[in-house]
Amino acid sequence: MRRAQNQLVRLVPILALGLAAACGGSSDIKLTDSERDCAAVTAAARQVVLVDPRKATPEDLERNKTAAETLESAAASATTEVAEPARALAGSATAYVAALEKRDALRATANEGLLRQQAVPLAQVCGFGTRADQILGTTSGTEGTG
């Protein structure tokens, strides 16, 4: 499954080109290196789903563990200005998963805050302004976890 997700992250820019061509765009559309890095990292980061650490299920844990690994891979592959904020975000995702694994609600909540903060520089570099919600996946029951 992880291999398939890593392959999907690499395919996102190619799929974007195919969609542009299918929708009447020119087949000579090329993504810049930054666009390629943003597409890969954003696709991986959107797999990280913030959950209430007190109610995290084994499925939540496995999904986020896979997402963190995929994000680490995408961040390691980034070669543009996307690389630094992507690597910081990947580190926080890994720490978030570790806290969920230990059922450490306080640490998981703190790492959730870091994830939200570190998504902002990535959002800015990728053209989303300060919309960190465009980077991370949908939250699931994290209201009032603090």
Protein backbone atom coordinates (compact mmCIF):
# COMPACT_ATOMS: atom_id res chain seq x y z
CA MET A 1 0.00 0.00 0.00
CA ARG A 2 2.80 2.42 0.84
CA ARG A 3 4.47 1.75 -2.48
CA ALA A 4 1.21 2.51 -4.28
CA GLN A 5 0.82 5.79 -2.38
CA ASN A 6 4.40 6.80 -3.13
CA GLN A 7 3.76 6.07 -6.80
CA LEU A 8 0.56 8.12 -6.65
CA VAL A 9 2.49 11.10 -5.27
CA ARG A 10 4.85 10.89 -8.23
CA LEU A 11 1.96 10.57 -10.67
CA VAL A 12 0.04 13.67 -9.52
CA PRO A 13 1.94 16.09 -11.80
CA ILE A 14 1.57 13.72 -14.74
CA LEU A 15 -2.16 13.36 -14.07
CA ALA A 16 -2.46 17.15 -13.92
CA LEU A 17 -0.87 17.41 -17.37
CA GLY A 18 -3.19 14.72 -18.72
CA LEU A 19 -6.23 16.50 -17.30
CA ALA A 20 -5.13 19.80 -18.81
CA ALA A 21 -4.70 18.17 -22.21
CA ALA A 22 -8.04 16.36 -21.96
CA CYS A 23 -9.82 19.60 -21.09
CA GLY A 24 -8.65 21.29 -24.26
CA GLY A 25 -5.30 22.46 -22.96
CA SER A 26 -2.15 22.20 -24.96
CA SER A 27 -0.24 18.96 -24.69
CA ASP A 28 2.97 20.97 -24.35
CA ILE A 29 1.98 22.27 -20.89
CA LYS A 30 4.88 21.71 -18.56
CA LEU A 31 4.94 22.04 -14.80
CA THR A 32 7.76 24.03 -13.31
CA ASP A 33 9.96 22.29 -10.77
CA SER A 34 8.20 24.25 -8.01
CA GLU A 35 4.78 23.23 -9.28
CA ARG A 36 5.91 19.61 -9.44
CA ASP A 37 7.23 19.75 -5.86
CA CYS A 38 4.08 21.53 -4.62
CA ALA A 39 1.83 18.97 -6.28
CA ALA A 40 3.70 16.01 -4.81
CA VAL A 41 4.08 17.43 -1.30
CA THR A 42 0.53 18.77 -1.14
CA ALA A 43 -0.92 15.45 -2.31
CA ALA A 44 1.05 13.67 0.41
CA ALA A 45 0.23 16.21 3.14
CA ARG A 46 -3.49 16.03 2.39
CA GLN A 47 -3.37 12.38 3.46
CA VAL A 48 -2.49 13.45 7.02
CA VAL A 49 -5.82 13.57 8.82
CA LEU A 50 -5.82 15.25 12.21
CA VAL A 51 -7.85 13.24 14.71
CA ASP A 52 -8.84 13.56 18.35
CA PRO A 53 -5.87 11.73 19.92
CA ARG A 54 -8.08 10.35 22.69
CA LYS A 55 -10.30 8.66 20.12
CA ALA A 56 -7.76 7.64 17.47
CA THR A 57 -8.54 4.23 16.00
CA PRO A 58 -6.00 1.74 14.67
CA GLU A 59 -7.18 2.76 11.18
CA ASP A 60 -6.48 6.44 11.98
CA LEU A 61 -3.03 5.51 13.18
CA GLU A 62 -2.20 3.38 10.13
CA ARG A 63 -3.53 5.99 7.69
CA ASN A 64 -1.48 8.75 9.32
CA LYS A 65 1.61 6.59 9.57
CA THR A 66 1.42 5.86 5.85
CA ALA A 67 0.71 9.52 5.12
CA ALA A 68 3.72 10.67 7.17
CA GLU A 69 5.99 8.24 5.30
CA THR A 70 4.61 9.41 1.96
CA LEU A 71 5.11 13.03 3.00
CA GLU A 72 8.70 12.30 4.07
CA SER A 73 9.37 10.74 0.67
CA ALA A 74 7.83 13.66 -1.23
CA ALA A 75 9.72 16.19 0.92
CA ALA A 76 13.01 14.34 0.39
CA SER A 77 12.43 14.45 -3.37
CA ALA A 78 11.67 18.19 -3.42
CA THR A 79 14.48 20.25 -4.92
CA THR A 80 13.02 23.77 -4.95
CA GLU A 81 11.99 26.35 -2.35
CA VAL A 82 9.29 23.82 -1.40
CA ALA A 83 11.89 21.49 0.14
CA GLU A 84 12.57 23.28 3.42
CA PRO A 85 8.96 23.83 4.55
CA ALA A 86 8.03 20.35 3.26
CA ARG A 87 10.75 18.71 5.35
CA ALA A 88 9.67 20.63 8.45
CA LEU A 89 6.07 19.55 7.88
CA ALA A 90 7.14 15.92 7.35
CA GLY A 91 9.08 15.96 10.62
CA SER A 92 6.04 17.22 12.49
CA ALA A 93 3.83 14.61 10.82
CA THR A 94 6.21 11.88 11.98
CA ALA A 95 6.21 13.28 15.53
CA TYR A 96 2.39 13.48 15.43
CA VAL A 97 2.15 9.82 14.48
CA ALA A 98 4.62 8.84 17.22
CA ALA A 99 2.47 10.65 19.78
CA LEU A 100 -0.67 8.93 18.49
CA GLU A 101 1.09 5.56 18.72
CA LYS A 102 1.97 6.23 22.36
CA ARG A 103 -1.57 7.51 23.06
CA ASP A 104 0.03 10.72 24.31
CA ALA A 105 -2.85 13.15 23.81
CA LEU A 106 -0.92 16.18 25.05
CA ARG A 107 2.01 15.61 22.71
CA ALA A 108 -0.27 14.73 19.79
CA THR A 109 -2.22 17.95 20.31
CA ALA A 110 1.01 19.96 20.47
CA ASN A 111 2.23 18.31 17.25
CA GLU A 112 -1.11 19.01 15.61
CA GLY A 113 -0.52 22.69 16.36
CA LEU A 114 2.95 22.45 14.82
CA LEU A 115 1.52 20.77 11.74
CA ARG A 116 -0.96 23.61 11.31
CA GLN A 117 1.78 26.23 11.80
CA GLN A 118 4.24 24.54 9.48
CA ALA A 119 1.63 24.13 6.76
CA VAL A 120 1.48 27.94 6.40
CA PRO A 121 4.98 28.45 4.88
CA LEU A 122 4.31 25.55 2.53
CA ALA A 123 0.95 27.06 1.57
CA GLN A 124 2.65 30.39 0.88
CA VAL A 125 5.36 28.85 -1.30
CA CYS A 126 2.75 26.83 -3.22
CA GLY A 127 0.51 29.84 -3.86
CA PHE A 128 -2.25 29.20 -1.33
CA GLY A 129 -1.48 32.33 0.72
CA THR A 130 -1.80 31.47 4.39
CA ARG A 131 -4.45 28.81 3.80
CA ALA A 132 -2.92 25.90 5.73
CA ASP A 133 -6.27 24.15 5.34
CA GLN A 134 -5.38 23.74 1.65
CA ILE A 135 -2.33 21.70 2.65
CA LEU A 136 -3.40 19.31 5.41
CA GLY A 137 -6.15 16.73 5.09
CA THR A 138 -9.58 17.14 6.57
CA THR A 139 -9.70 17.11 10.34
CA SER A 140 -11.75 14.47 12.05
CA GLY A 141 -13.12 15.32 15.48
CA THR A 142 -10.23 17.45 16.73
CA GLU A 143 -12.42 20.21 18.11
CA GLY A 144 -11.76 20.81 21.78
CA THR A 145 -8.79 18.48 22.17
CA GLY A 146 -6.65 21.05 23.98
